[in-house]
Amino acid sequence: RKVAGYTARKAKQLLKDPGIVRNRLKVAAAIRNAR
């Protein structure tokens, strides 16, 4: 439920996080998959 509510701004923040795989398509997919 939290991830489904992530905004474009949150996605941009995630793409700056060195602790995860910073792949735009994978981050977008995680949010889409939550929904």
PDB file of all heavy atoms in Angstrom:
ATOM      1  N   ARG A   1       0.831  -1.211   0.000  1.00  0.00           N
ATOM      2  CA  ARG A   1       0.000   0.000   0.000  1.00  0.00           C
ATOM      3  C   ARG A   1       0.863   1.259   0.000  1.00  0.00           C
ATOM      4  O   ARG A   1       0.587   2.214  -0.713  1.00  0.00           O
ATOM      5  CB  ARG A   1      -0.950  -0.027   1.202  1.00  0.00           C
ATOM      6  CG  ARG A   1      -2.230   0.743   0.947  1.00  0.00           C
ATOM      7  CD  ARG A   1      -3.356   0.311   1.871  1.00  0.00           C
ATOM      8  NE  ARG A   1      -3.909  -1.002   1.600  1.00  0.00           N
ATOM      9  CZ  ARG A   1      -4.684  -1.311   0.562  1.00  0.00           C
ATOM     10  NH1 ARG A   1      -4.991  -0.400  -0.312  1.00  0.00           N
ATOM     11  NH2 ARG A   1      -5.158  -2.532   0.416  1.00  0.00           N
ATOM     12  N   LYS A   2       1.936   1.244   0.797  1.00  0.00           N
ATOM     13  CA  LYS A   2       2.867   2.381   0.827  1.00  0.00           C
ATOM     14  C   LYS A   2       3.530   2.567  -0.537  1.00  0.00           C
ATOM     15  O   LYS A   2       3.598   3.667  -1.073  1.00  0.00           O
ATOM     16  CB  LYS A   2       3.978   2.137   1.862  1.00  0.00           C
ATOM     17  CG  LYS A   2       3.733   2.720   3.206  1.00  0.00           C
ATOM     18  CD  LYS A   2       5.004   2.544   4.049  1.00  0.00           C
ATOM     19  CE  LYS A   2       4.656   2.711   5.506  1.00  0.00           C
ATOM     20  NZ  LYS A   2       5.734   2.324   6.396  1.00  0.00           N
ATOM     21  N   VAL A   3       4.049   1.476  -1.086  1.00  0.00           N
ATOM     22  CA  VAL A   3       4.781   1.549  -2.356  1.00  0.00           C
ATOM     23  C   VAL A   3       3.851   1.988  -3.489  1.00  0.00           C
ATOM     24  O   VAL A   3       4.241   2.777  -4.349  1.00  0.00           O
ATOM     25  CB  VAL A   3       5.468   0.206  -2.686  1.00  0.00           C
ATOM     26  CG1 VAL A   3       6.182   0.263  -4.039  1.00  0.00           C
ATOM     27  CG2 VAL A   3       6.456  -0.171  -1.577  1.00  0.00           C
ATOM     28  N   ALA A   4       2.611   1.531  -3.455  1.00  0.00           N
ATOM     29  CA  ALA A   4       1.636   1.927  -4.488  1.00  0.00           C
ATOM     30  C   ALA A   4       1.397   3.430  -4.480  1.00  0.00           C
ATOM     31  O   ALA A   4       1.048   4.020  -5.500  1.00  0.00           O
ATOM     32  CB  ALA A   4       0.321   1.180  -4.284  1.00  0.00           C
ATOM     33  N   GLY A   5       1.607   4.063  -3.332  1.00  0.00           N
ATOM     34  CA  GLY A   5       1.400   5.501  -3.212  1.00  0.00           C
ATOM     35  C   GLY A   5       2.621   6.336  -3.562  1.00  0.00           C
ATOM     36  O   GLY A   5       2.567   7.571  -3.504  1.00  0.00           O
ATOM     37  N   TYR A   6       3.725   5.690  -3.940  1.00  0.00           N
ATOM     38  CA  TYR A   6       4.930   6.444  -4.283  1.00  0.00           C
ATOM     39  C   TYR A   6       4.686   7.325  -5.508  1.00  0.00           C
ATOM     40  O   TYR A   6       4.086   6.892  -6.492  1.00  0.00           O
ATOM     41  CB  TYR A   6       6.107   5.500  -4.555  1.00  0.00           C
ATOM     42  CG  TYR A   6       6.755   4.919  -3.313  1.00  0.00           C
ATOM     43  CD1 TYR A   6       6.272   5.180  -2.035  1.00  0.00           C
ATOM     44  CD2 TYR A   6       7.861   4.090  -3.422  1.00  0.00           C
ATOM     45  CE1 TYR A   6       6.875   4.638  -0.912  1.00  0.00           C
ATOM     46  CE2 TYR A   6       8.474   3.553  -2.303  1.00  0.00           C
ATOM     47  CZ  TYR A   6       7.977   3.825  -1.049  1.00  0.00           C
ATOM     48  OH  TYR A   6       8.575   3.283   0.062  1.00  0.00           O
ATOM     49  N   THR A   7       5.164   8.549  -5.417  1.00  0.00           N
ATOM     50  CA  THR A   7       4.993   9.551  -6.482  1.00  0.00           C
ATOM     51  C   THR A   7       6.224   9.559  -7.390  1.00  0.00           C
ATOM     52  O   THR A   7       7.232   8.901  -7.105  1.00  0.00           O
ATOM     53  CB  THR A   7       4.842  10.936  -5.853  1.00  0.00           C
ATOM     54  OG1 THR A   7       6.061  11.212  -5.124  1.00  0.00           O
ATOM     55  CG2 THR A   7       3.639  11.011  -4.913  1.00  0.00           C
ATOM     56  N   ALA A   8       6.146  10.345  -8.455  1.00  0.00           N
ATOM     57  CA  ALA A   8       7.292  10.517  -9.353  1.00  0.00           C
ATOM     58  C   ALA A   8       8.472  11.100  -8.584  1.00  0.00           C
ATOM     59  O   ALA A   8       9.633  10.736  -8.828  1.00  0.00           O
ATOM     60  CB  ALA A   8       6.904  11.416 -10.522  1.00  0.00           C
ATOM     61  N   ARG A   9       8.185  11.975  -7.639  1.00  0.00           N
ATOM     62  CA  ARG A   9       9.249  12.574  -6.826  1.00  0.00           C
ATOM     63  C   ARG A   9       9.957  11.507  -5.988  1.00  0.00           C
ATOM     64  O   ARG A   9      11.189  11.485  -5.877  1.00  0.00           O
ATOM     65  CB  ARG A   9       8.652  13.652  -5.924  1.00  0.00           C
ATOM     66  CG  ARG A   9       9.667  14.390  -5.096  1.00  0.00           C
ATOM     67  CD  ARG A   9       9.008  15.526  -4.334  1.00  0.00           C
ATOM     68  NE  ARG A   9       9.991  16.158  -3.465  1.00  0.00           N
ATOM     69  CZ  ARG A   9       9.697  16.769  -2.353  1.00  0.00           C
ATOM     70  NH1 ARG A   9       8.448  16.846  -1.950  1.00  0.00           N
ATOM     71  NH2 ARG A   9      10.640  17.313  -1.627  1.00  0.00           N
ATOM     72  N   LYS A  10       9.172  10.609  -5.396  1.00  0.00           N
ATOM     73  CA  LYS A  10       9.744   9.519  -4.602  1.00  0.00           C
ATOM     74  C   LYS A  10      10.577   8.597  -5.497  1.00  0.00           C
ATOM     75  O   LYS A  10      11.660   8.143  -5.106  1.00  0.00           O
ATOM     76  CB  LYS A  10       8.630   8.731  -3.906  1.00  0.00           C
ATOM     77  CG  LYS A  10       9.101   7.530  -3.114  1.00  0.00           C
ATOM     78  CD  LYS A  10       9.973   7.898  -1.934  1.00  0.00           C
ATOM     79  CE  LYS A  10      10.277   6.673  -1.082  1.00  0.00           C
ATOM     80  NZ  LYS A  10      11.156   6.981   0.048  1.00  0.00           N
ATOM     81  N   ALA A  11      10.094   8.320  -6.701  1.00  0.00           N
ATOM     82  CA  ALA A  11      10.840   7.474  -7.640  1.00  0.00           C
ATOM     83  C   ALA A  11      12.194   8.109  -7.955  1.00  0.00           C
ATOM     84  O   ALA A  11      13.215   7.413  -8.013  1.00  0.00           O
ATOM     85  CB  ALA A  11      10.032   7.250  -8.910  1.00  0.00           C
ATOM     86  N   LYS A  12      12.235   9.420  -8.123  1.00  0.00           N
ATOM     87  CA  LYS A  12      13.507  10.117  -8.387  1.00  0.00           C
ATOM     88  C   LYS A  12      14.446   9.998  -7.200  1.00  0.00           C
ATOM     89  O   LYS A  12      15.653   9.824  -7.372  1.00  0.00           O
ATOM     90  CB  LYS A  12      13.248  11.600  -8.699  1.00  0.00           C
ATOM     91  CG  LYS A  12      12.761  11.845 -10.109  1.00  0.00           C
ATOM     92  CD  LYS A  12      12.597  13.328 -10.371  1.00  0.00           C
ATOM     93  CE  LYS A  12      11.993  13.546 -11.748  1.00  0.00           C
ATOM     94  NZ  LYS A  12      11.686  14.962 -12.005  1.00  0.00           N
ATOM     95  N   GLN A  13      13.895  10.066  -5.993  1.00  0.00           N
ATOM     96  CA  GLN A  13      14.721   9.888  -4.788  1.00  0.00           C
ATOM     97  C   GLN A  13      15.325   8.482  -4.757  1.00  0.00           C
ATOM     98  O   GLN A  13      16.493   8.307  -4.422  1.00  0.00           O
ATOM     99  CB  GLN A  13      13.893  10.115  -3.524  1.00  0.00           C
ATOM    100  CG  GLN A  13      13.523  11.555  -3.256  1.00  0.00           C
ATOM    101  CD  GLN A  13      12.568  11.684  -2.056  1.00  0.00           C
ATOM    102  OE1 GLN A  13      12.026  10.693  -1.572  1.00  0.00           O
ATOM    103  NE2 GLN A  13      12.381  12.904  -1.601  1.00  0.00           N
ATOM    104  N   LEU A  14      14.507   7.487  -5.102  1.00  0.00           N
ATOM    105  CA  LEU A  14      14.986   6.106  -5.095  1.00  0.00           C
ATOM    106  C   LEU A  14      16.125   5.909  -6.089  1.00  0.00           C
ATOM    107  O   LEU A  14      17.057   5.142  -5.837  1.00  0.00           O
ATOM    108  CB  LEU A  14      13.838   5.138  -5.404  1.00  0.00           C
ATOM    109  CG  LEU A  14      12.780   4.997  -4.306  1.00  0.00           C
ATOM    110  CD1 LEU A  14      11.585   4.202  -4.803  1.00  0.00           C
ATOM    111  CD2 LEU A  14      13.363   4.351  -3.055  1.00  0.00           C
ATOM    112  N   LEU A  15      16.059   6.602  -7.218  1.00  0.00           N
ATOM    113  CA  LEU A  15      17.103   6.466  -8.240  1.00  0.00           C
ATOM    114  C   LEU A  15      18.440   7.051  -7.780  1.00  0.00           C
ATOM    115  O   LEU A  15      19.463   6.811  -8.415  1.00  0.00           O
ATOM    116  CB  LEU A  15      16.654   7.109  -9.556  1.00  0.00           C
ATOM    117  CG  LEU A  15      15.529   6.362 -10.272  1.00  0.00           C
ATOM    118  CD1 LEU A  15      15.010   7.165 -11.441  1.00  0.00           C
ATOM    119  CD2 LEU A  15      16.004   4.989 -10.733  1.00  0.00           C
ATOM    120  N   LYS A  16      18.429   7.796  -6.688  1.00  0.00           N
ATOM    121  CA  LYS A  16      19.668   8.338  -6.118  1.00  0.00           C
ATOM    122  C   LYS A  16      20.179   7.491  -4.957  1.00  0.00           C
ATOM    123  O   LYS A  16      21.210   7.799  -4.370  1.00  0.00           O
ATOM    124  CB  LYS A  16      19.435   9.781  -5.637  1.00  0.00           C
ATOM    125  CG  LYS A  16      19.130  10.747  -6.760  1.00  0.00           C
ATOM    126  CD  LYS A  16      18.823  12.132  -6.219  1.00  0.00           C
ATOM    127  CE  LYS A  16      18.414  13.048  -7.375  1.00  0.00           C
ATOM    128  NZ  LYS A  16      17.916  14.336  -6.874  1.00  0.00           N
ATOM    129  N   ASP A  17      19.464   6.425  -4.623  1.00  0.00           N
ATOM    130  CA  ASP A  17      19.797   5.586  -3.466  1.00  0.00           C
ATOM    131  C   ASP A  17      20.823   4.520  -3.879  1.00  0.00           C
ATOM    132  O   ASP A  17      20.474   3.576  -4.601  1.00  0.00           O
ATOM    133  CB  ASP A  17      18.523   4.932  -2.923  1.00  0.00           C
ATOM    134  CG  ASP A  17      18.751   4.166  -1.633  1.00  0.00           C
ATOM    135  OD1 ASP A  17      19.906   3.778  -1.340  1.00  0.00           O
ATOM    136  OD2 ASP A  17      17.767   3.952  -0.908  1.00  0.00           O
ATOM    137  N   PRO A  18      22.074   4.626  -3.422  1.00  0.00           N
ATOM    138  CA  PRO A  18      23.097   3.648  -3.819  1.00  0.00           C
ATOM    139  C   PRO A  18      22.880   2.258  -3.203  1.00  0.00           C
ATOM    140  O   PRO A  18      23.525   1.300  -3.618  1.00  0.00           O
ATOM    141  CB  PRO A  18      24.409   4.266  -3.305  1.00  0.00           C
ATOM    142  CG  PRO A  18      23.988   5.130  -2.158  1.00  0.00           C
ATOM    143  CD  PRO A  18      22.608   5.630  -2.494  1.00  0.00           C
ATOM    144  N   GLY A  19      21.952   2.153  -2.264  1.00  0.00           N
ATOM    145  CA  GLY A  19      21.709   0.870  -1.606  1.00  0.00           C
ATOM    146  C   GLY A  19      20.833  -0.084  -2.396  1.00  0.00           C
ATOM    147  O   GLY A  19      20.710  -1.252  -2.039  1.00  0.00           O
ATOM    148  N   ILE A  20      20.209   0.414  -3.469  1.00  0.00           N
ATOM    149  CA  ILE A  20      19.357  -0.438  -4.312  1.00  0.00           C
ATOM    150  C   ILE A  20      19.875  -0.396  -5.748  1.00  0.00           C
ATOM    151  O   ILE A  20      20.794   0.359  -6.062  1.00  0.00           O
ATOM    152  CB  ILE A  20      17.868   0.010  -4.261  1.00  0.00           C
ATOM    153  CG1 ILE A  20      17.679   1.392  -4.900  1.00  0.00           C
ATOM    154  CG2 ILE A  20      17.357  -0.015  -2.818  1.00  0.00           C
ATOM    155  CD1 ILE A  20      16.236   1.779  -5.135  1.00  0.00           C
ATOM    156  N   VAL A  21      19.276  -1.187  -6.614  1.00  0.00           N
ATOM    157  CA  VAL A  21      19.619  -1.149  -8.040  1.00  0.00           C
ATOM    158  C   VAL A  21      18.954   0.097  -8.620  1.00  0.00           C
ATOM    159  O   VAL A  21      17.726   0.182  -8.661  1.00  0.00           O
ATOM    160  CB  VAL A  21      19.142  -2.428  -8.764  1.00  0.00           C
ATOM    161  CG1 VAL A  21      19.425  -2.335 -10.256  1.00  0.00           C
ATOM    162  CG2 VAL A  21      19.810  -3.658  -8.164  1.00  0.00           C
ATOM    163  N   ARG A  22      19.759   1.040  -9.061  1.00  0.00           N
ATOM    164  CA  ARG A  22      19.231   2.323  -9.534  1.00  0.00           C
ATOM    165  C   ARG A  22      18.933   2.254 -11.022  1.00  0.00           C
ATOM    166  O   ARG A  22      19.601   2.860 -11.851  1.00  0.00           O
ATOM    167  CB  ARG A  22      20.217   3.447  -9.205  1.00  0.00           C
ATOM    168  CG  ARG A  22      20.299   3.690  -7.707  1.00  0.00           C
ATOM    169  CD  ARG A  22      21.277   4.758  -7.358  1.00  0.00           C
ATOM    170  NE  ARG A  22      22.649   4.271  -7.548  1.00  0.00           N
ATOM    171  CZ  ARG A  22      23.730   4.998  -7.326  1.00  0.00           C
ATOM    172  NH1 ARG A  22      23.625   6.244  -6.924  1.00  0.00           N
ATOM    173  NH2 ARG A  22      24.919   4.478  -7.495  1.00  0.00           N
ATOM    174  N   ASN A  23      17.904   1.509 -11.328  1.00  0.00           N
ATOM    175  CA  ASN A  23      17.450   1.332 -12.705  1.00  0.00           C
ATOM    176  C   ASN A  23      16.039   1.918 -12.790  1.00  0.00           C
ATOM    177  O   ASN A  23      15.140   1.483 -12.068  1.00  0.00           O
ATOM    178  CB  ASN A  23      17.462  -0.165 -13.052  1.00  0.00           C
ATOM    179  CG  ASN A  23      16.919  -0.466 -14.426  1.00  0.00           C
ATOM    180  OD1 ASN A  23      15.752  -0.229 -14.702  1.00  0.00           O
ATOM    181  ND2 ASN A  23      17.765  -1.006 -15.288  1.00  0.00           N
ATOM    182  N   ARG A  24      15.883   2.905 -13.648  1.00  0.00           N
ATOM    183  CA  ARG A  24      14.608   3.624 -13.746  1.00  0.00           C
ATOM    184  C   ARG A  24      13.441   2.683 -14.024  1.00  0.00           C
ATOM    185  O   ARG A  24      12.368   2.792 -13.416  1.00  0.00           O
ATOM    186  CB  ARG A  24      14.718   4.687 -14.855  1.00  0.00           C
ATOM    187  CG  ARG A  24      13.509   5.574 -14.995  1.00  0.00           C
ATOM    188  CD  ARG A  24      13.694   6.612 -16.094  1.00  0.00           C
ATOM    189  NE  ARG A  24      14.055   6.025 -17.384  1.00  0.00           N
ATOM    190  CZ  ARG A  24      13.181   5.452 -18.219  1.00  0.00           C
ATOM    191  NH1 ARG A  24      11.903   5.373 -17.894  1.00  0.00           N
ATOM    192  NH2 ARG A  24      13.580   4.950 -19.374  1.00  0.00           N
ATOM    193  N   LEU A  25      13.628   1.736 -14.940  1.00  0.00           N
ATOM    194  CA  LEU A  25      12.538   0.819 -15.299  1.00  0.00           C
ATOM    195  C   LEU A  25      12.180  -0.104 -14.137  1.00  0.00           C
ATOM    196  O   LEU A  25      11.002  -0.397 -13.911  1.00  0.00           O
ATOM    197  CB  LEU A  25      12.918   0.005 -16.531  1.00  0.00           C
ATOM    198  CG  LEU A  25      13.090   0.800 -17.826  1.00  0.00           C
ATOM    199  CD1 LEU A  25      13.562  -0.109 -18.961  1.00  0.00           C
ATOM    200  CD2 LEU A  25      11.794   1.504 -18.218  1.00  0.00           C
ATOM    201  N   LYS A  26      13.192  -0.550 -13.385  1.00  0.00           N
ATOM    202  CA  LYS A  26      12.926  -1.453 -12.260  1.00  0.00           C
ATOM    203  C   LYS A  26      12.244  -0.726 -11.110  1.00  0.00           C
ATOM    204  O   LYS A  26      11.359  -1.285 -10.460  1.00  0.00           O
ATOM    205  CB  LYS A  26      14.221  -2.124 -11.804  1.00  0.00           C
ATOM    206  CG  LYS A  26      14.744  -3.146 -12.801  1.00  0.00           C
ATOM    207  CD  LYS A  26      16.041  -3.778 -12.335  1.00  0.00           C
ATOM    208  CE  LYS A  26      16.540  -4.793 -13.361  1.00  0.00           C
ATOM    209  NZ  LYS A  26      17.794  -5.429 -12.926  1.00  0.00           N
ATOM    210  N   VAL A  27      12.638   0.511 -10.858  1.00  0.00           N
ATOM    211  CA  VAL A  27      11.988   1.291  -9.797  1.00  0.00           C
ATOM    212  C   VAL A  27      10.533   1.563 -10.182  1.00  0.00           C
ATOM    213  O   VAL A  27       9.611   1.386  -9.377  1.00  0.00           O
ATOM    214  CB  VAL A  27      12.764   2.601  -9.515  1.00  0.00           C
ATOM    215  CG1 VAL A  27      11.946   3.549  -8.651  1.00  0.00           C
ATOM    216  CG2 VAL A  27      14.106   2.282  -8.857  1.00  0.00           C
ATOM    217  N   ALA A  28      10.312   1.961 -11.440  1.00  0.00           N
ATOM    218  CA  ALA A  28       8.939   2.213 -11.916  1.00  0.00           C
ATOM    219  C   ALA A  28       8.110   0.934 -11.847  1.00  0.00           C
ATOM    220  O   ALA A  28       6.934   0.963 -11.477  1.00  0.00           O
ATOM    221  CB  ALA A  28       8.961   2.770 -13.338  1.00  0.00           C
ATOM    222  N   ALA A  29       8.731  -0.200 -12.181  1.00  0.00           N
ATOM    223  CA  ALA A  29       8.023  -1.481 -12.144  1.00  0.00           C
ATOM    224  C   ALA A  29       7.622  -1.852 -10.723  1.00  0.00           C
ATOM    225  O   ALA A  29       6.522  -2.375 -10.503  1.00  0.00           O
ATOM    226  CB  ALA A  29       8.890  -2.582 -12.748  1.00  0.00           C
ATOM    227  N   ALA A  30       8.477  -1.570  -9.755  1.00  0.00           N
ATOM    228  CA  ALA A  30       8.149  -1.890  -8.354  1.00  0.00           C
ATOM    229  C   ALA A  30       6.895  -1.140  -7.916  1.00  0.00           C
ATOM    230  O   ALA A  30       6.015  -1.715  -7.264  1.00  0.00           O
ATOM    231  CB  ALA A  30       9.329  -1.549  -7.445  1.00  0.00           C
ATOM    232  N   ILE A  31       6.800   0.119  -8.305  1.00  0.00           N
ATOM    233  CA  ILE A  31       5.630   0.932  -7.939  1.00  0.00           C
ATOM    234  C   ILE A  31       4.392   0.435  -8.676  1.00  0.00           C
ATOM    235  O   ILE A  31       3.325   0.246  -8.077  1.00  0.00           O
ATOM    236  CB  ILE A  31       5.905   2.422  -8.223  1.00  0.00           C
ATOM    237  CG1 ILE A  31       7.071   2.916  -7.349  1.00  0.00           C
ATOM    238  CG2 ILE A  31       4.651   3.265  -7.988  1.00  0.00           C
ATOM    239  CD1 ILE A  31       7.662   4.256  -7.756  1.00  0.00           C
ATOM    240  N   ARG A  32       4.554   0.179  -9.962  1.00  0.00           N
ATOM    241  CA  ARG A  32       3.432  -0.340 -10.763  1.00  0.00           C
ATOM    242  C   ARG A  32       2.979  -1.707 -10.237  1.00  0.00           C
ATOM    243  O   ARG A  32       1.783  -1.994 -10.153  1.00  0.00           O
ATOM    244  CB  ARG A  32       3.860  -0.434 -12.227  1.00  0.00           C
ATOM    245  CG  ARG A  32       2.773  -0.912 -13.139  1.00  0.00           C
ATOM    246  CD  ARG A  32       3.279  -1.014 -14.568  1.00  0.00           C
ATOM    247  NE  ARG A  32       2.209  -1.430 -15.424  1.00  0.00           N
ATOM    248  CZ  ARG A  32       1.740  -0.717 -16.427  1.00  0.00           C
ATOM    249  NH1 ARG A  32       2.241   0.467 -16.694  1.00  0.00           N
ATOM    250  NH2 ARG A  32       0.760  -1.179 -17.171  1.00  0.00           N
ATOM    251  N   ASN A  33       3.955  -2.552  -9.877  1.00  0.00           N
ATOM    252  CA  ASN A  33       3.622  -3.890  -9.381  1.00  0.00           C
ATOM    253  C   ASN A  33       2.899  -3.830  -8.037  1.00  0.00           C
ATOM    254  O   ASN A  33       2.049  -4.667  -7.755  1.00  0.00           O
ATOM    255  CB  ASN A  33       4.877  -4.756  -9.288  1.00  0.00           C
ATOM    256  CG  ASN A  33       5.377  -5.177 -10.665  1.00  0.00           C
ATOM    257  OD1 ASN A  33       4.719  -4.930 -11.685  1.00  0.00           O
ATOM    258  ND2 ASN A  33       6.539  -5.787 -10.715  1.00  0.00           N
ATOM    259  N   ALA A  34       3.230  -2.833  -7.221  1.00  0.00           N
ATOM    260  CA  ALA A  34       2.512  -2.662  -5.950  1.00  0.00           C
ATOM    261  C   ALA A  34       1.038  -2.377  -6.224  1.00  0.00           C
ATOM    262  O   ALA A  34       0.154  -2.936  -5.562  1.00  0.00           O
ATOM    263  CB  ALA A  34       3.131  -1.524  -5.142  1.00  0.00           C
ATOM    264  N   ARG A  35       0.762  -1.537  -7.206  1.00  0.00           N
ATOM    265  CA  ARG A  35      -0.628  -1.210  -7.545  1.00  0.00           C
ATOM    266  C   ARG A  35      -1.354  -2.419  -8.115  1.00  0.00           C
ATOM    267  O   ARG A  35      -2.514  -2.684  -7.762  1.00  0.00           O
ATOM    268  CB  ARG A  35      -0.643  -0.026  -8.524  1.00  0.00           C
ATOM    269  CG  ARG A  35      -0.122   1.254  -7.873  1.00  0.00           C
ATOM    270  CD  ARG A  35       0.096   2.381  -8.858  1.00  0.00           C
ATOM    271  NE  ARG A  35       0.692   3.526  -8.155  1.00  0.00           N
ATOM    272  CZ  ARG A  35       1.394   4.474  -8.728  1.00  0.00           C
ATOM    273  NH1 ARG A  35       1.605   4.465 -10.039  1.00  0.00           N
ATOM    274  NH2 ARG A  35       1.903   5.464  -8.013  1.00  0.00           N
TER     275      ARG A  35
END
